[in-house]
């Protein structure tokens, strides 16, 4: 199963804070036999977030969304989600009750400005379900397989684990992914495009990929004239069984195209 990731925050987009979500989610999904379909970084902009959510809701795959569910003026994710689904924001009774307890612990009256501001974090799109937050008990929310989490990793990461355990345990390790890859010297990427197209035409379940790399072991003035590609194939589930056959044929044709050296990558299989 594949899952999308949306990471929201001006501070991440402009580089003032280093993102730790991408690596975490990639590892979390791999640990459960799940895979990242795509990842997006978005600013704290209500219109942009809403526009991207409209698209992701159409895709009908689970999506984790981090950031922007607080109660400060630069937090727009809750409102953007409601806009994307054409739903009103309404107080969630259970979330509001928890926030009332938190306000009482701070000594804030329920008619105080501090509580009123804090209570905004219980406003979710109509029909949303809660995601418990073990760090400070201020919940995230989910709707239509989109899981909205705080931007703080200490909160978001255990909440994401809860979501997987709660909703997707039956999907753990259901679809194996195998990858074969090698570094290929001596031929430019343009020359292998027909081979990639032929492979995907003959075996529609196999996906090809190619990534040009720089020969760091060569002098700078020679690097541009020496081609090195990371070339590979990917297969999922039952189609992994045919991957060795397809790979053997691909390697043979790479040599025919003029590859001078093919170095199999050690970490070429995962699943």
C-alpha atoms as a PDB file:
ATOM      1  CA  UNK A   1       0.000   0.000   0.000  1.00  0.00           C
ATOM      2  CA  UNK A   2       1.210   3.483  -0.846  1.00  0.00           C
ATOM      3  CA  UNK A   3       0.715   6.597   1.305  1.00  0.00           C
ATOM      4  CA  UNK A   4       1.192  10.273   0.481  1.00  0.00           C
ATOM      5  CA  UNK A   5       2.902  12.842   2.713  1.00  0.00           C
ATOM      6  CA  UNK A   6       2.201  16.585   2.911  1.00  0.00           C
ATOM      7  CA  UNK A   7       4.569  18.646   5.082  1.00  0.00           C
ATOM      8  CA  UNK A   8       3.359  22.168   5.814  1.00  0.00           C
ATOM      9  CA  UNK A   9       5.267  25.125   7.217  1.00  0.00           C
ATOM     10  CA  UNK A  10       6.892  28.329   5.991  1.00  0.00           C
ATOM     11  CA  UNK A  11       9.888  27.630   8.189  1.00  0.00           C
ATOM     12  CA  UNK A  12      10.508  24.330   6.379  1.00  0.00           C
ATOM     13  CA  UNK A  13       9.865  25.698   2.893  1.00  0.00           C
ATOM     14  CA  UNK A  14      12.194  28.673   3.405  1.00  0.00           C
ATOM     15  CA  UNK A  15      14.863  26.578   5.106  1.00  0.00           C
ATOM     16  CA  UNK A  16      14.892  28.226   8.532  1.00  0.00           C
ATOM     17  CA  UNK A  17      14.036  24.881  10.149  1.00  0.00           C
ATOM     18  CA  UNK A  18      15.316  21.498   9.028  1.00  0.00           C
ATOM     19  CA  UNK A  19      12.623  18.995   8.137  1.00  0.00           C
ATOM     20  CA  UNK A  20      12.691  15.687   9.991  1.00  0.00           C
ATOM     21  CA  UNK A  21       9.319  14.367   8.821  1.00  0.00           C
ATOM     22  CA  UNK A  22      10.325  13.029   5.410  1.00  0.00           C
ATOM     23  CA  UNK A  23      13.006  10.666   6.693  1.00  0.00           C
ATOM     24  CA  UNK A  24      10.799   9.573   9.593  1.00  0.00           C
ATOM     25  CA  UNK A  25       7.813   8.737   7.408  1.00  0.00           C
ATOM     26  CA  UNK A  26       9.927   6.935   4.825  1.00  0.00           C
ATOM     27  CA  UNK A  27      11.395   4.733   7.540  1.00  0.00           C
ATOM     28  CA  UNK A  28       8.080   4.269   9.357  1.00  0.00           C
ATOM     29  CA  UNK A  29       6.327   3.082   6.217  1.00  0.00           C
ATOM     30  CA  UNK A  30       9.165   0.765   5.221  1.00  0.00           C
ATOM     31  CA  UNK A  31       9.142  -0.786   8.700  1.00  0.00           C
ATOM     32  CA  UNK A  32       5.547  -1.852   8.078  1.00  0.00           C
ATOM     33  CA  UNK A  33       5.868  -2.952   4.475  1.00  0.00           C
ATOM     34  CA  UNK A  34       4.211   0.222   3.192  1.00  0.00           C
ATOM     35  CA  UNK A  35       5.551   2.715   0.668  1.00  0.00           C
ATOM     36  CA  UNK A  36       5.594   6.455   0.107  1.00  0.00           C
ATOM     37  CA  UNK A  37       3.601   7.381  -2.994  1.00  0.00           C
ATOM     38  CA  UNK A  38       4.749  11.017  -3.013  1.00  0.00           C
ATOM     39  CA  UNK A  39       5.743  13.876  -0.714  1.00  0.00           C
ATOM     40  CA  UNK A  40       4.924  17.580  -0.930  1.00  0.00           C
ATOM     41  CA  UNK A  41       6.210  20.632   0.952  1.00  0.00           C
ATOM     42  CA  UNK A  42       3.689  23.472   1.247  1.00  0.00           C
ATOM     43  CA  UNK A  43       3.851  26.959   2.803  1.00  0.00           C
ATOM     44  CA  UNK A  44       1.439  28.269   5.438  1.00  0.00           C
ATOM     45  CA  UNK A  45      -0.930  29.528   2.773  1.00  0.00           C
ATOM     46  CA  UNK A  46      -4.621  28.614   3.059  1.00  0.00           C
ATOM     47  CA  UNK A  47      -5.368  28.781  -0.670  1.00  0.00           C
ATOM     48  CA  UNK A  48      -2.340  26.680  -1.641  1.00  0.00           C
ATOM     49  CA  UNK A  49      -3.015  24.059   1.019  1.00  0.00           C
ATOM     50  CA  UNK A  50      -6.679  23.842   0.067  1.00  0.00           C
ATOM     51  CA  UNK A  51      -5.854  23.482  -3.620  1.00  0.00           C
ATOM     52  CA  UNK A  52      -3.436  20.643  -2.972  1.00  0.00           C
ATOM     53  CA  UNK A  53      -5.856  18.899  -0.625  1.00  0.00           C
ATOM     54  CA  UNK A  54      -8.588  18.998  -3.263  1.00  0.00           C
ATOM     55  CA  UNK A  55      -6.248  17.039  -5.511  1.00  0.00           C
ATOM     56  CA  UNK A  56      -5.096  14.568  -2.870  1.00  0.00           C
ATOM     57  CA  UNK A  57      -8.665  13.786  -1.771  1.00  0.00           C
ATOM     58  CA  UNK A  58      -9.375  12.793  -5.382  1.00  0.00           C
ATOM     59  CA  UNK A  59      -6.528  10.281  -5.415  1.00  0.00           C
ATOM     60  CA  UNK A  60      -8.203   7.999  -2.863  1.00  0.00           C
ATOM     61  CA  UNK A  61      -5.020   6.974  -1.050  1.00  0.00           C
ATOM     62  CA  UNK A  62      -4.116   7.598   2.600  1.00  0.00           C
ATOM     63  CA  UNK A  63      -2.236  10.842   3.241  1.00  0.00           C
ATOM     64  CA  UNK A  64      -0.410  12.130   6.309  1.00  0.00           C
ATOM     65  CA  UNK A  65      -0.463  15.922   6.691  1.00  0.00           C
ATOM     66  CA  UNK A  66       1.825  17.604   9.223  1.00  0.00           C
ATOM     67  CA  UNK A  67       1.730  21.203  10.419  1.00  0.00           C
ATOM     68  CA  UNK A  68      -0.657  24.121  10.601  1.00  0.00           C
ATOM     69  CA  UNK A  69      -3.304  22.734  12.963  1.00  0.00           C
ATOM     70  CA  UNK A  70      -2.520  25.071  15.847  1.00  0.00           C
ATOM     71  CA  UNK A  71      -4.421  28.225  16.773  1.00  0.00           C
ATOM     72  CA  UNK A  72      -2.081  31.031  15.717  1.00  0.00           C
ATOM     73  CA  UNK A  73      -2.781  33.273  12.701  1.00  0.00           C
ATOM     74  CA  UNK A  74      -0.273  31.380  10.545  1.00  0.00           C
ATOM     75  CA  UNK A  75      -2.039  28.031  11.086  1.00  0.00           C
ATOM     76  CA  UNK A  76      -4.359  27.403   8.143  1.00  0.00           C
ATOM     77  CA  UNK A  77      -4.547  23.640   7.710  1.00  0.00           C
ATOM     78  CA  UNK A  78      -7.844  23.000   9.514  1.00  0.00           C
ATOM     79  CA  UNK A  79      -9.585  25.760   7.555  1.00  0.00           C
ATOM     80  CA  UNK A  80      -7.967  24.683   4.278  1.00  0.00           C
ATOM     81  CA  UNK A  81      -9.171  21.119   4.780  1.00  0.00           C
ATOM     82  CA  UNK A  82     -12.716  22.334   5.403  1.00  0.00           C
ATOM     83  CA  UNK A  83     -12.502  24.500   2.278  1.00  0.00           C
ATOM     84  CA  UNK A  84     -11.267  21.573   0.187  1.00  0.00           C
ATOM     85  CA  UNK A  85     -14.196  19.417   1.262  1.00  0.00           C
ATOM     86  CA  UNK A  86     -16.746  22.251   1.275  1.00  0.00           C
ATOM     87  CA  UNK A  87     -17.511  21.531   4.919  1.00  0.00           C
ATOM     88  CA  UNK A  88     -17.964  23.817   7.934  1.00  0.00           C
ATOM     89  CA  UNK A  89     -15.491  23.928  10.797  1.00  0.00           C
ATOM     90  CA  UNK A  90     -17.275  22.828  13.958  1.00  0.00           C
ATOM     91  CA  UNK A  91     -16.120  22.226  17.541  1.00  0.00           C
ATOM     92  CA  UNK A  92     -15.497  18.548  18.179  1.00  0.00           C
ATOM     93  CA  UNK A  93     -17.130  17.820  21.572  1.00  0.00           C
ATOM     94  CA  UNK A  94     -14.498  15.329  22.756  1.00  0.00           C
ATOM     95  CA  UNK A  95     -11.582  17.489  21.637  1.00  0.00           C
ATOM     96  CA  UNK A  96     -13.156  20.553  23.236  1.00  0.00           C
ATOM     97  CA  UNK A  97     -13.686  18.729  26.529  1.00  0.00           C
ATOM     98  CA  UNK A  98     -10.001  17.788  26.620  1.00  0.00           C
ATOM     99  CA  UNK A  99      -8.975  21.381  25.957  1.00  0.00           C
ATOM    100  CA  UNK A 100     -11.250  22.582  28.752  1.00  0.00           C
ATOM    101  CA  UNK A 101      -9.347  20.296  31.128  1.00  0.00           C
ATOM    102  CA  UNK A 102      -6.045  21.691  29.850  1.00  0.00           C
ATOM    103  CA  UNK A 103      -7.246  25.277  30.339  1.00  0.00           C
ATOM    104  CA  UNK A 104      -8.304  24.450  33.895  1.00  0.00           C
ATOM    105  CA  UNK A 105      -4.845  23.035  34.577  1.00  0.00           C
ATOM    106  CA  UNK A 106      -3.372  26.343  33.398  1.00  0.00           C
ATOM    107  CA  UNK A 107      -5.789  28.235  35.636  1.00  0.00           C
ATOM    108  CA  UNK A 108      -7.665  29.788  32.698  1.00  0.00           C
ATOM    109  CA  UNK A 109     -11.425  30.338  33.009  1.00  0.00           C
ATOM    110  CA  UNK A 110     -13.559  28.930  30.198  1.00  0.00           C
ATOM    111  CA  UNK A 111     -14.634  32.467  29.307  1.00  0.00           C
ATOM    112  CA  UNK A 112     -11.046  33.767  29.227  1.00  0.00           C
ATOM    113  CA  UNK A 113      -9.279  34.887  26.036  1.00  0.00           C
ATOM    114  CA  UNK A 114      -6.592  32.251  26.605  1.00  0.00           C
ATOM    115  CA  UNK A 115      -9.127  29.422  26.649  1.00  0.00           C
ATOM    116  CA  UNK A 116     -11.019  30.876  23.697  1.00  0.00           C
ATOM    117  CA  UNK A 117      -7.822  30.858  21.651  1.00  0.00           C
ATOM    118  CA  UNK A 118      -6.848  27.371  22.772  1.00  0.00           C
ATOM    119  CA  UNK A 119     -10.346  26.041  22.012  1.00  0.00           C
ATOM    120  CA  UNK A 120      -9.877  26.837  18.325  1.00  0.00           C
ATOM    121  CA  UNK A 121      -7.722  23.714  18.156  1.00  0.00           C
ATOM    122  CA  UNK A 122     -10.913  21.671  18.688  1.00  0.00           C
ATOM    123  CA  UNK A 123     -12.482  23.085  15.505  1.00  0.00           C
ATOM    124  CA  UNK A 124     -12.393  20.425  12.789  1.00  0.00           C
ATOM    125  CA  UNK A 125     -14.244  19.848   9.512  1.00  0.00           C
ATOM    126  CA  UNK A 126     -17.665  18.356  10.150  1.00  0.00           C
ATOM    127  CA  UNK A 127     -17.437  14.575  10.515  1.00  0.00           C
ATOM    128  CA  UNK A 128     -13.741  14.433  11.413  1.00  0.00           C
ATOM    129  CA  UNK A 129     -12.448  11.786  13.820  1.00  0.00           C
ATOM    130  CA  UNK A 130      -9.814  12.384  16.474  1.00  0.00           C
ATOM    131  CA  UNK A 131      -6.185  11.265  16.486  1.00  0.00           C
ATOM    132  CA  UNK A 132      -4.901  11.102  20.069  1.00  0.00           C
ATOM    133  CA  UNK A 133      -1.836  13.147  20.957  1.00  0.00           C
ATOM    134  CA  UNK A 134       0.136  11.468  23.775  1.00  0.00           C
ATOM    135  CA  UNK A 135       2.425  14.471  24.199  1.00  0.00           C
ATOM    136  CA  UNK A 136      -0.060  17.148  25.320  1.00  0.00           C
ATOM    137  CA  UNK A 137      -3.530  15.606  24.692  1.00  0.00           C
ATOM    138  CA  UNK A 138      -4.476  18.191  22.023  1.00  0.00           C
ATOM    139  CA  UNK A 139      -5.784  15.921  19.305  1.00  0.00           C
ATOM    140  CA  UNK A 140      -5.182  15.864  15.596  1.00  0.00           C
ATOM    141  CA  UNK A 141      -7.952  14.789  13.252  1.00  0.00           C
ATOM    142  CA  UNK A 142      -8.705  12.553  10.312  1.00  0.00           C
ATOM    143  CA  UNK A 143     -11.201  12.687   7.484  1.00  0.00           C
ATOM    144  CA  UNK A 144     -11.430  10.707   4.238  1.00  0.00           C
ATOM    145  CA  UNK A 145      -8.185   8.866   4.965  1.00  0.00           C
ATOM    146  CA  UNK A 146      -6.272  12.106   5.457  1.00  0.00           C
ATOM    147  CA  UNK A 147      -4.520  12.286   8.819  1.00  0.00           C
ATOM    148  CA  UNK A 148      -3.757  15.767  10.118  1.00  0.00           C
ATOM    149  CA  UNK A 149      -0.954  15.967  12.669  1.00  0.00           C
ATOM    150  CA  UNK A 150       0.937  18.770  14.442  1.00  0.00           C
ATOM    151  CA  UNK A 151       4.162  20.050  12.941  1.00  0.00           C
ATOM    152  CA  UNK A 152       6.177  19.134  16.055  1.00  0.00           C
ATOM    153  CA  UNK A 153       7.887  15.769  15.453  1.00  0.00           C
ATOM    154  CA  UNK A 154       7.561  14.684  19.116  1.00  0.00           C
ATOM    155  CA  UNK A 155       3.801  14.936  18.707  1.00  0.00           C
ATOM    156  CA  UNK A 156       3.337  13.957  15.080  1.00  0.00           C
ATOM    157  CA  UNK A 157       5.485  10.850  14.952  1.00  0.00           C
ATOM    158  CA  UNK A 158       3.798   8.765  17.679  1.00  0.00           C
ATOM    159  CA  UNK A 159       0.429   9.920  16.340  1.00  0.00           C
ATOM    160  CA  UNK A 160       1.360   8.606  12.893  1.00  0.00           C
ATOM    161  CA  UNK A 161       2.298   5.247  14.400  1.00  0.00           C
ATOM    162  CA  UNK A 162      -1.108   5.167  16.125  1.00  0.00           C
ATOM    163  CA  UNK A 163      -2.854   5.810  12.797  1.00  0.00           C
ATOM    164  CA  UNK A 164      -1.065   2.910  11.115  1.00  0.00           C
ATOM    165  CA  UNK A 165      -1.824   0.554  13.997  1.00  0.00           C
ATOM    166  CA  UNK A 166      -5.437   1.686  14.232  1.00  0.00           C
ATOM    167  CA  UNK A 167      -6.411   1.695  10.548  1.00  0.00           C
ATOM    168  CA  UNK A 168      -3.855  -0.133   8.425  1.00  0.00           C
ATOM    169  CA  UNK A 169      -2.463  -3.063  10.399  1.00  0.00           C
ATOM    170  CA  UNK A 170      -4.103  -5.454   7.921  1.00  0.00           C
ATOM    171  CA  UNK A 171      -2.039  -3.869   5.148  1.00  0.00           C
ATOM    172  CA  UNK A 172       1.351  -4.390   6.768  1.00  0.00           C
ATOM    173  CA  UNK A 173       3.736  -6.357   4.523  1.00  0.00           C
ATOM    174  CA  UNK A 174       0.991  -7.268   2.058  1.00  0.00           C
ATOM    175  CA  UNK A 175       2.880  -6.145  -1.029  1.00  0.00           C
ATOM    176  CA  UNK A 176       6.582  -6.790  -1.343  1.00  0.00           C
ATOM    177  CA  UNK A 177       8.726  -4.357  -3.330  1.00  0.00           C
ATOM    178  CA  UNK A 178      11.852  -5.606  -5.096  1.00  0.00           C
ATOM    179  CA  UNK A 179      14.355  -3.354  -6.803  1.00  0.00           C
ATOM    180  CA  UNK A 180      17.300  -4.226  -9.010  1.00  0.00           C
ATOM    181  CA  UNK A 181      19.745  -1.405  -9.718  1.00  0.00           C
ATOM    182  CA  UNK A 182      23.263  -0.851 -11.017  1.00  0.00           C
ATOM    183  CA  UNK A 183      25.706   1.887 -11.894  1.00  0.00           C
ATOM    184  CA  UNK A 184      26.216   1.849 -15.652  1.00  0.00           C
ATOM    185  CA  UNK A 185      29.229   3.449 -17.348  1.00  0.00           C
ATOM    186  CA  UNK A 186      29.783   4.309 -20.973  1.00  0.00           C
ATOM    187  CA  UNK A 187      26.357   5.176 -22.364  1.00  0.00           C
ATOM    188  CA  UNK A 188      24.318   8.382 -22.110  1.00  0.00           C
ATOM    189  CA  UNK A 189      20.806   8.333 -20.706  1.00  0.00           C
ATOM    190  CA  UNK A 190      19.284   9.185 -24.085  1.00  0.00           C
ATOM    191  CA  UNK A 191      20.538   5.892 -25.499  1.00  0.00           C
ATOM    192  CA  UNK A 192      18.731   3.727 -22.951  1.00  0.00           C
ATOM    193  CA  UNK A 193      15.324   5.414 -23.228  1.00  0.00           C
ATOM    194  CA  UNK A 194      14.120   2.984 -25.951  1.00  0.00           C
ATOM    195  CA  UNK A 195      15.175   0.067 -23.736  1.00  0.00           C
ATOM    196  CA  UNK A 196      13.214   1.484 -20.782  1.00  0.00           C
ATOM    197  CA  UNK A 197      10.141   1.967 -22.958  1.00  0.00           C
ATOM    198  CA  UNK A 198      10.464  -1.552 -24.343  1.00  0.00           C
ATOM    199  CA  UNK A 199      10.709  -3.081 -20.869  1.00  0.00           C
ATOM    200  CA  UNK A 200       7.605  -1.288 -19.626  1.00  0.00           C
ATOM    201  CA  UNK A 201       5.734  -2.249 -22.799  1.00  0.00           C
ATOM    202  CA  UNK A 202       6.697  -5.929 -22.601  1.00  0.00           C
ATOM    203  CA  UNK A 203       6.243  -6.168 -18.821  1.00  0.00           C
ATOM    204  CA  UNK A 204       3.665  -3.546 -17.722  1.00  0.00           C
ATOM    205  CA  UNK A 205       4.074  -4.581 -14.081  1.00  0.00           C
ATOM    206  CA  UNK A 206       7.762  -3.587 -14.111  1.00  0.00           C
ATOM    207  CA  UNK A 207       8.767   0.068 -13.680  1.00  0.00           C
ATOM    208  CA  UNK A 208      12.103   1.388 -14.895  1.00  0.00           C
ATOM    209  CA  UNK A 209      14.148   4.279 -13.545  1.00  0.00           C
ATOM    210  CA  UNK A 210      17.324   6.105 -14.519  1.00  0.00           C
ATOM    211  CA  UNK A 211      19.335   8.723 -12.653  1.00  0.00           C
ATOM    212  CA  UNK A 212      22.441  10.355 -14.152  1.00  0.00           C
ATOM    213  CA  UNK A 213      25.276  10.599 -11.630  1.00  0.00           C
ATOM    214  CA  UNK A 214      28.607  12.413 -11.549  1.00  0.00           C
ATOM    215  CA  UNK A 215      31.869  10.470 -11.657  1.00  0.00           C
ATOM    216  CA  UNK A 216      33.402  11.940  -8.520  1.00  0.00           C
ATOM    217  CA  UNK A 217      36.413   9.662  -9.000  1.00  0.00           C
ATOM    218  CA  UNK A 218      37.445  11.554 -12.147  1.00  0.00           C
ATOM    219  CA  UNK A 219      39.110  14.968 -12.546  1.00  0.00           C
ATOM    220  CA  UNK A 220      36.605  17.817 -12.848  1.00  0.00           C
ATOM    221  CA  UNK A 221      37.444  18.477 -16.506  1.00  0.00           C
ATOM    222  CA  UNK A 222      36.627  14.853 -17.416  1.00  0.00           C
ATOM    223  CA  UNK A 223      33.429  14.359 -15.424  1.00  0.00           C
ATOM    224  CA  UNK A 224      31.128  15.844 -18.063  1.00  0.00           C
ATOM    225  CA  UNK A 225      32.506  13.517 -20.748  1.00  0.00           C
ATOM    226  CA  UNK A 226      32.155  10.290 -18.771  1.00  0.00           C
ATOM    227  CA  UNK A 227      28.601   9.027 -18.478  1.00  0.00           C
ATOM    228  CA  UNK A 228      27.434   7.116 -15.419  1.00  0.00           C
ATOM    229  CA  UNK A 229      23.829   6.179 -14.822  1.00  0.00           C
ATOM    230  CA  UNK A 230      22.022   4.590 -11.932  1.00  0.00           C
ATOM    231  CA  UNK A 231      19.656   2.317 -13.820  1.00  0.00           C
ATOM    232  CA  UNK A 232      17.087   0.053 -12.244  1.00  0.00           C
ATOM    233  CA  UNK A 233      13.822  -1.859 -12.253  1.00  0.00           C
ATOM    234  CA  UNK A 234      11.050  -2.088  -9.641  1.00  0.00           C
ATOM    235  CA  UNK A 235       8.351  -4.714  -9.138  1.00  0.00           C
ATOM    236  CA  UNK A 236       5.601  -5.113  -6.544  1.00  0.00           C
ATOM    237  CA  UNK A 237       3.883  -8.131  -5.036  1.00  0.00           C
ATOM    238  CA  UNK A 238       3.626 -11.280  -7.175  1.00  0.00           C
ATOM    239  CA  UNK A 239       5.432  -9.531 -10.016  1.00  0.00           C
ATOM    240  CA  UNK A 240       8.668  -9.708  -8.009  1.00  0.00           C
ATOM    241  CA  UNK A 241       8.980 -13.311  -9.235  1.00  0.00           C
ATOM    242  CA  UNK A 242       9.697 -12.227 -12.813  1.00  0.00           C
ATOM    243  CA  UNK A 243      12.111  -9.429 -11.893  1.00  0.00           C
ATOM    244  CA  UNK A 244      15.333 -11.521 -12.116  1.00  0.00           C
ATOM    245  CA  UNK A 245      14.431 -12.640 -15.649  1.00  0.00           C
ATOM    246  CA  UNK A 246      13.664  -9.098 -16.790  1.00  0.00           C
ATOM    247  CA  UNK A 247      16.814  -7.760 -15.100  1.00  0.00           C
ATOM    248  CA  UNK A 248      19.041 -10.343 -16.791  1.00  0.00           C
ATOM    249  CA  UNK A 249      17.617  -9.373 -20.170  1.00  0.00           C
ATOM    250  CA  UNK A 250      18.060  -5.646 -19.401  1.00  0.00           C
ATOM    251  CA  UNK A 251      21.718  -6.103 -18.435  1.00  0.00           C
ATOM    252  CA  UNK A 252      22.365  -8.012 -21.666  1.00  0.00           C
ATOM    253  CA  UNK A 253      20.856  -5.196 -23.737  1.00  0.00           C
ATOM    254  CA  UNK A 254      22.752  -2.505 -21.809  1.00  0.00           C
ATOM    255  CA  UNK A 255      25.989  -4.216 -22.861  1.00  0.00           C
ATOM    256  CA  UNK A 256      24.763  -4.339 -26.442  1.00  0.00           C
ATOM    257  CA  UNK A 257      24.112  -0.592 -26.273  1.00  0.00           C
ATOM    258  CA  UNK A 258      27.728   0.030 -25.304  1.00  0.00           C
ATOM    259  CA  UNK A 259      27.887  -0.113 -21.519  1.00  0.00           C
ATOM    260  CA  UNK A 260      31.542  -0.456 -20.534  1.00  0.00           C
ATOM    261  CA  UNK A 261      30.954  -1.327 -16.890  1.00  0.00           C
ATOM    262  CA  UNK A 262      27.874  -2.422 -14.906  1.00  0.00           C
ATOM    263  CA  UNK A 263      28.236  -2.331 -11.123  1.00  0.00           C
ATOM    264  CA  UNK A 264      25.380  -4.023  -9.276  1.00  0.00           C
ATOM    265  CA  UNK A 265      24.327  -1.987  -6.246  1.00  0.00           C
ATOM    266  CA  UNK A 266      24.416  -3.978  -3.030  1.00  0.00           C
ATOM    267  CA  UNK A 267      21.239  -2.432  -1.643  1.00  0.00           C
ATOM    268  CA  UNK A 268      19.230  -3.302  -4.721  1.00  0.00           C
ATOM    269  CA  UNK A 269      16.400  -5.181  -3.057  1.00  0.00           C
ATOM    270  CA  UNK A 270      13.940  -4.155  -0.360  1.00  0.00           C
ATOM    271  CA  UNK A 271      10.633  -5.527   0.736  1.00  0.00           C
END
